Amino acid sequence: MKKIIAFTFCAFAGTAVFAALPPLTPEQAEAAALAKAKTAYGDRVGAYKLCLAQNKVADQYRVPGTPAPGACTAPPPFTPPVAAAAAPAAPATPVAPAAK
């Protein structure tokens, strides 16, 4: 019973801590987007290398006369994501001084 009570208390305390996190700054959001893009690219490269290894093994056991395994497509080079919003520009029209 004590374990159930302790687990329930920790669950509620944990959700309260995570609910109070401040929003990300633009720099943090940009860094998170870059990390997400790098991870996705790493996954594509890993899938390509896995495809090459599977084709190599399949070629070793392939019976003559059967079709070759499908070709692997190499992922394009990594390109970092573009910043979503640039810094706001200065106003185009100059502000007139106030009349006296």
N, C-alpha and C. Protein backbone atom coordinates (compact mmCIF):
# COMPACT_ATOMS: atom_id res chain seq x y z
N MET A 1 0.82 -1.19 0.00
CA MET A 1 0.00 0.00 0.00
C MET A 1 0.87 1.26 0.00
N LYS A 2 1.97 1.20 0.75
CA LYS A 2 2.87 2.36 0.82
C LYS A 2 3.48 2.65 -0.55
N LYS A 3 3.76 1.60 -1.30
CA LYS A 3 4.34 1.78 -2.63
C LYS A 3 3.36 2.47 -3.57
N ILE A 4 2.10 2.12 -3.47
CA ILE A 4 1.08 2.74 -4.32
C ILE A 4 0.94 4.22 -3.98
N ILE A 5 0.92 4.53 -2.71
CA ILE A 5 0.81 5.92 -2.28
C ILE A 5 2.04 6.71 -2.72
N ALA A 6 3.22 6.13 -2.56
CA ALA A 6 4.45 6.82 -2.97
C ALA A 6 4.47 7.03 -4.48
N PHE A 7 4.04 6.03 -5.23
CA PHE A 7 4.01 6.17 -6.69
C PHE A 7 3.04 7.27 -7.11
N THR A 8 1.86 7.29 -6.51
CA THR A 8 0.86 8.31 -6.84
C THR A 8 1.38 9.70 -6.50
N PHE A 9 2.00 9.84 -5.35
CA PHE A 9 2.55 11.13 -4.96
C PHE A 9 3.62 11.59 -5.95
N CYS A 10 4.53 10.68 -6.32
CA CYS A 10 5.60 11.02 -7.27
C CYS A 10 5.03 11.37 -8.64
N ALA A 11 3.99 10.68 -9.06
CA ALA A 11 3.38 10.96 -10.36
C ALA A 11 2.78 12.37 -10.37
N PHE A 12 2.07 12.73 -9.32
CA PHE A 12 1.47 14.06 -9.27
C PHE A 12 2.54 15.14 -9.13
N ALA A 13 3.57 14.89 -8.35
CA ALA A 13 4.64 15.88 -8.19
C ALA A 13 5.40 16.05 -9.50
N GLY A 14 5.62 14.96 -10.20
CA GLY A 14 6.34 15.03 -11.47
C GLY A 14 5.57 15.80 -12.52
N THR A 15 4.26 15.60 -12.60
CA THR A 15 3.48 16.34 -13.58
C THR A 15 3.43 17.82 -13.24
N ALA A 16 3.42 18.15 -11.97
CA ALA A 16 3.41 19.56 -11.58
C ALA A 16 4.73 20.23 -11.96
N VAL A 17 5.83 19.52 -11.84
CA VAL A 17 7.13 20.09 -12.20
C VAL A 17 7.21 20.33 -13.70
N PHE A 18 6.77 19.35 -14.48
CA PHE A 18 6.85 19.50 -15.94
C PHE A 18 5.86 20.53 -16.45
N ALA A 19 4.76 20.72 -15.79
CA ALA A 19 3.76 21.69 -16.23
C ALA A 19 4.26 23.11 -16.02
N ALA A 20 5.23 23.33 -15.15
CA ALA A 20 5.68 24.67 -14.84
C ALA A 20 6.90 25.10 -15.65
N LEU A 21 7.29 24.33 -16.66
CA LEU A 21 8.45 24.71 -17.45
C LEU A 21 8.15 25.94 -18.29
N PRO A 22 9.10 26.87 -18.39
CA PRO A 22 8.87 28.08 -19.20
C PRO A 22 8.95 27.75 -20.68
N PRO A 23 8.37 28.58 -21.54
CA PRO A 23 8.45 28.34 -22.98
C PRO A 23 9.89 28.50 -23.48
N LEU A 24 10.19 27.86 -24.60
CA LEU A 24 11.54 27.93 -25.15
C LEU A 24 11.82 29.30 -25.73
N THR A 25 13.06 29.74 -25.60
CA THR A 25 13.47 30.98 -26.25
C THR A 25 13.69 30.68 -27.73
N PRO A 26 13.76 31.69 -28.58
CA PRO A 26 13.98 31.43 -30.00
C PRO A 26 15.28 30.66 -30.27
N GLU A 27 16.33 30.95 -29.50
CA GLU A 27 17.60 30.24 -29.69
C GLU A 27 17.45 28.77 -29.33
N GLN A 28 16.73 28.49 -28.23
CA GLN A 28 16.52 27.11 -27.81
C GLN A 28 15.65 26.36 -28.82
N ALA A 29 14.64 27.05 -29.35
CA ALA A 29 13.76 26.42 -30.34
C ALA A 29 14.55 26.10 -31.61
N GLU A 30 15.44 27.01 -32.01
CA GLU A 30 16.26 26.78 -33.19
C GLU A 30 17.23 25.61 -32.96
N ALA A 31 17.81 25.54 -31.77
CA ALA A 31 18.71 24.44 -31.46
C ALA A 31 17.96 23.11 -31.42
N ALA A 32 16.74 23.13 -30.92
CA ALA A 32 15.93 21.91 -30.89
C ALA A 32 15.56 21.46 -32.30
N ALA A 33 15.24 22.42 -33.17
CA ALA A 33 14.91 22.08 -34.56
C ALA A 33 16.13 21.50 -35.27
N LEU A 34 17.31 22.06 -35.00
CA LEU A 34 18.54 21.55 -35.62
C LEU A 34 18.84 20.14 -35.12
N ALA A 35 18.66 19.91 -33.83
CA ALA A 35 18.90 18.57 -33.29
C ALA A 35 17.91 17.56 -33.87
N LYS A 36 16.67 17.98 -34.05
CA LYS A 36 15.66 17.10 -34.63
C LYS A 36 16.00 16.77 -36.08
N ALA A 37 16.46 17.77 -36.83
CA ALA A 37 16.83 17.54 -38.23
C ALA A 37 18.05 16.63 -38.33
N LYS A 38 19.04 16.82 -37.44
CA LYS A 38 20.22 15.96 -37.46
C LYS A 38 19.85 14.52 -37.12
N THR A 39 18.95 14.33 -36.18
CA THR A 39 18.51 12.99 -35.81
C THR A 39 17.78 12.32 -36.98
N ALA A 40 16.91 13.06 -37.64
CA ALA A 40 16.18 12.51 -38.78
C ALA A 40 17.15 12.14 -39.91
N TYR A 41 18.15 12.98 -40.14
CA TYR A 41 19.13 12.69 -41.19
C TYR A 41 19.96 11.46 -40.81
N GLY A 42 20.34 11.36 -39.56
CA GLY A 42 21.07 10.19 -39.10
C GLY A 42 20.26 8.91 -39.27
N ASP A 43 18.95 9.00 -39.06
CA ASP A 43 18.08 7.84 -39.28
C ASP A 43 18.06 7.44 -40.75
N ARG A 44 18.02 8.43 -41.64
CA ARG A 44 18.01 8.12 -43.08
C ARG A 44 19.33 7.50 -43.51
N VAL A 45 20.45 8.00 -42.98
CA VAL A 45 21.76 7.43 -43.31
C VAL A 45 21.85 6.01 -42.76
N GLY A 46 21.37 5.80 -41.57
CA GLY A 46 21.37 4.47 -40.97
C GLY A 46 20.53 3.48 -41.78
N ALA A 47 19.38 3.93 -42.26
CA ALA A 47 18.53 3.07 -43.08
C ALA A 47 19.22 2.73 -44.40
N TYR A 48 19.94 3.69 -44.97
CA TYR A 48 20.67 3.45 -46.21
C TYR A 48 21.79 2.42 -45.99
N LYS A 49 22.54 2.57 -44.93
CA LYS A 49 23.61 1.61 -44.63
C LYS A 49 23.06 0.22 -44.34
N LEU A 50 21.93 0.16 -43.66
CA LEU A 50 21.28 -1.11 -43.40
C LEU A 50 20.85 -1.77 -44.72
N CYS A 51 20.32 -0.98 -45.62
CA CYS A 51 19.90 -1.50 -46.92
C CYS A 51 21.09 -2.07 -47.68
N LEU A 52 22.23 -1.36 -47.64
CA LEU A 52 23.43 -1.85 -48.32
C LEU A 52 23.89 -3.18 -47.72
N ALA A 53 23.88 -3.27 -46.39
CA ALA A 53 24.31 -4.50 -45.73
C ALA A 53 23.36 -5.66 -46.03
N GLN A 54 22.06 -5.38 -46.05
CA GLN A 54 21.09 -6.43 -46.36
C GLN A 54 21.25 -6.91 -47.80
N ASN A 55 21.50 -5.99 -48.73
CA ASN A 55 21.69 -6.38 -50.12
C ASN A 55 22.96 -7.22 -50.29
N LYS A 56 24.00 -6.88 -49.55
CA LYS A 56 25.25 -7.64 -49.63
C LYS A 56 25.04 -9.07 -49.16
N VAL A 57 24.34 -9.23 -48.05
CA VAL A 57 24.05 -10.58 -47.54
C VAL A 57 23.11 -11.32 -48.48
N ALA A 58 22.11 -10.63 -49.01
CA ALA A 58 21.17 -11.27 -49.92
C ALA A 58 21.88 -11.73 -51.19
N ASP A 59 22.86 -10.98 -51.66
CA ASP A 59 23.61 -11.38 -52.85
C ASP A 59 24.42 -12.65 -52.60
N GLN A 60 24.89 -12.82 -51.38
CA GLN A 60 25.67 -14.02 -51.06
C GLN A 60 24.81 -15.28 -51.10
N TYR A 61 23.54 -15.17 -50.73
CA TYR A 61 22.67 -16.34 -50.66
C TYR A 61 21.71 -16.44 -51.85
N ARG A 62 21.80 -15.51 -52.77
CA ARG A 62 20.88 -15.49 -53.91
C ARG A 62 21.18 -16.66 -54.84
N VAL A 63 20.14 -17.32 -55.29
CA VAL A 63 20.26 -18.42 -56.24
C VAL A 63 20.40 -17.81 -57.62
N PRO A 64 21.32 -18.31 -58.45
CA PRO A 64 21.44 -17.78 -59.81
C PRO A 64 20.12 -17.87 -60.56
N GLY A 65 19.78 -16.81 -61.26
CA GLY A 65 18.54 -16.77 -62.02
C GLY A 65 17.43 -16.03 -61.31
N THR A 66 17.58 -15.73 -60.01
CA THR A 66 16.56 -14.97 -59.29
C THR A 66 16.90 -13.49 -59.38
N PRO A 67 15.91 -12.63 -59.29
CA PRO A 67 16.18 -11.19 -59.41
C PRO A 67 17.04 -10.68 -58.25
N ALA A 68 17.81 -9.66 -58.54
CA ALA A 68 18.66 -9.04 -57.52
C ALA A 68 17.78 -8.24 -56.56
N PRO A 69 18.27 -8.02 -55.35
CA PRO A 69 17.49 -7.20 -54.40
C PRO A 69 17.36 -5.77 -54.90
N GLY A 70 16.37 -5.06 -54.38
CA GLY A 70 16.11 -3.68 -54.79
C GLY A 70 17.30 -2.77 -54.51
N ALA A 71 17.43 -1.76 -55.33
CA ALA A 71 18.53 -0.81 -55.17
C ALA A 71 18.26 0.13 -54.00
N CYS A 72 19.32 0.50 -53.32
CA CYS A 72 19.22 1.44 -52.20
C CYS A 72 19.42 2.85 -52.74
N THR A 73 18.67 3.78 -52.21
CA THR A 73 18.83 5.18 -52.61
C THR A 73 19.56 5.93 -51.51
N ALA A 74 20.63 6.59 -51.88
CA ALA A 74 21.42 7.35 -50.91
C ALA A 74 20.68 8.62 -50.50
N PRO A 75 20.74 8.97 -49.22
CA PRO A 75 20.08 10.20 -48.79
C PRO A 75 20.85 11.42 -49.31
N PRO A 76 20.14 12.52 -49.54
CA PRO A 76 20.83 13.73 -49.98
C PRO A 76 21.71 14.27 -48.86
N PRO A 77 22.65 15.16 -49.16
CA PRO A 77 23.49 15.74 -48.09
C PRO A 77 22.63 16.50 -47.07
N PHE A 78 23.15 16.57 -45.86
CA PHE A 78 22.42 17.25 -44.78
C PHE A 78 22.36 18.74 -45.04
N THR A 79 21.18 19.29 -44.91
CA THR A 79 21.00 20.74 -44.97
C THR A 79 20.28 21.16 -43.71
N PRO A 80 20.86 22.07 -42.93
CA PRO A 80 20.20 22.48 -41.69
C PRO A 80 18.91 23.22 -42.00
N PRO A 81 17.93 23.15 -41.09
CA PRO A 81 16.66 23.85 -41.32
C PRO A 81 16.86 25.36 -41.29
N VAL A 82 16.03 26.05 -42.04
CA VAL A 82 16.08 27.50 -42.10
C VAL A 82 15.36 28.06 -40.89
N ALA A 83 15.88 29.13 -40.33
CA ALA A 83 15.23 29.75 -39.18
C ALA A 83 13.83 30.18 -39.56
N ALA A 84 12.86 29.85 -38.73
CA ALA A 84 11.46 30.09 -39.05
C ALA A 84 11.14 31.58 -39.14
N ALA A 85 11.63 32.34 -38.20
CA ALA A 85 11.32 33.77 -38.19
C ALA A 85 12.60 34.57 -37.98
N ALA A 86 12.84 35.49 -38.89
CA ALA A 86 14.01 36.36 -38.75
C ALA A 86 13.68 37.47 -37.75
N ALA A 87 14.70 38.16 -37.29
CA ALA A 87 14.49 39.27 -36.36
C ALA A 87 13.68 40.36 -37.05
N PRO A 88 12.77 41.00 -36.34
CA PRO A 88 11.97 42.04 -36.97
C PRO A 88 12.85 43.19 -37.44
N ALA A 89 12.57 43.67 -38.61
CA ALA A 89 13.35 44.75 -39.21
C ALA A 89 12.92 46.10 -38.62
N ALA A 90 13.80 47.09 -38.76
CA ALA A 90 13.49 48.43 -38.29
C ALA A 90 12.40 49.03 -39.18
N PRO A 91 11.62 49.95 -38.68
CA PRO A 91 10.56 50.55 -39.50
C PRO A 91 11.16 51.25 -40.72
N ALA A 92 10.47 51.14 -41.85
CA ALA A 92 10.97 51.69 -43.11
C ALA A 92 10.84 53.21 -43.14
N THR A 93 9.83 53.77 -42.51
CA THR A 93 9.63 55.22 -42.55
C THR A 93 10.17 55.85 -41.28
N PRO A 94 10.90 56.94 -41.39
CA PRO A 94 11.41 57.60 -40.17
C PRO A 94 10.26 58.27 -39.42
N VAL A 95 10.43 58.32 -38.13
CA VAL A 95 9.41 58.93 -37.28
C VAL A 95 9.67 60.43 -37.22
N ALA A 96 8.64 61.23 -37.48
CA ALA A 96 8.77 62.70 -37.46
C ALA A 96 8.80 63.19 -36.01
N PRO A 97 9.63 64.23 -35.72
CA PRO A 97 9.64 64.75 -34.35
C PRO A 97 8.31 65.40 -34.00
N ALA A 98 7.98 65.38 -32.76
CA ALA A 98 6.71 65.96 -32.30
C ALA A 98 6.74 67.47 -32.43
N ALA A 99 5.59 68.07 -32.79
CA ALA A 99 5.48 69.53 -32.93
C ALA A 99 5.42 70.16 -31.55
N LYS A 100 6.01 71.40 -31.46
CA LYS A 100 6.04 72.10 -30.17
C LYS A 100 4.87 73.00 -30.01
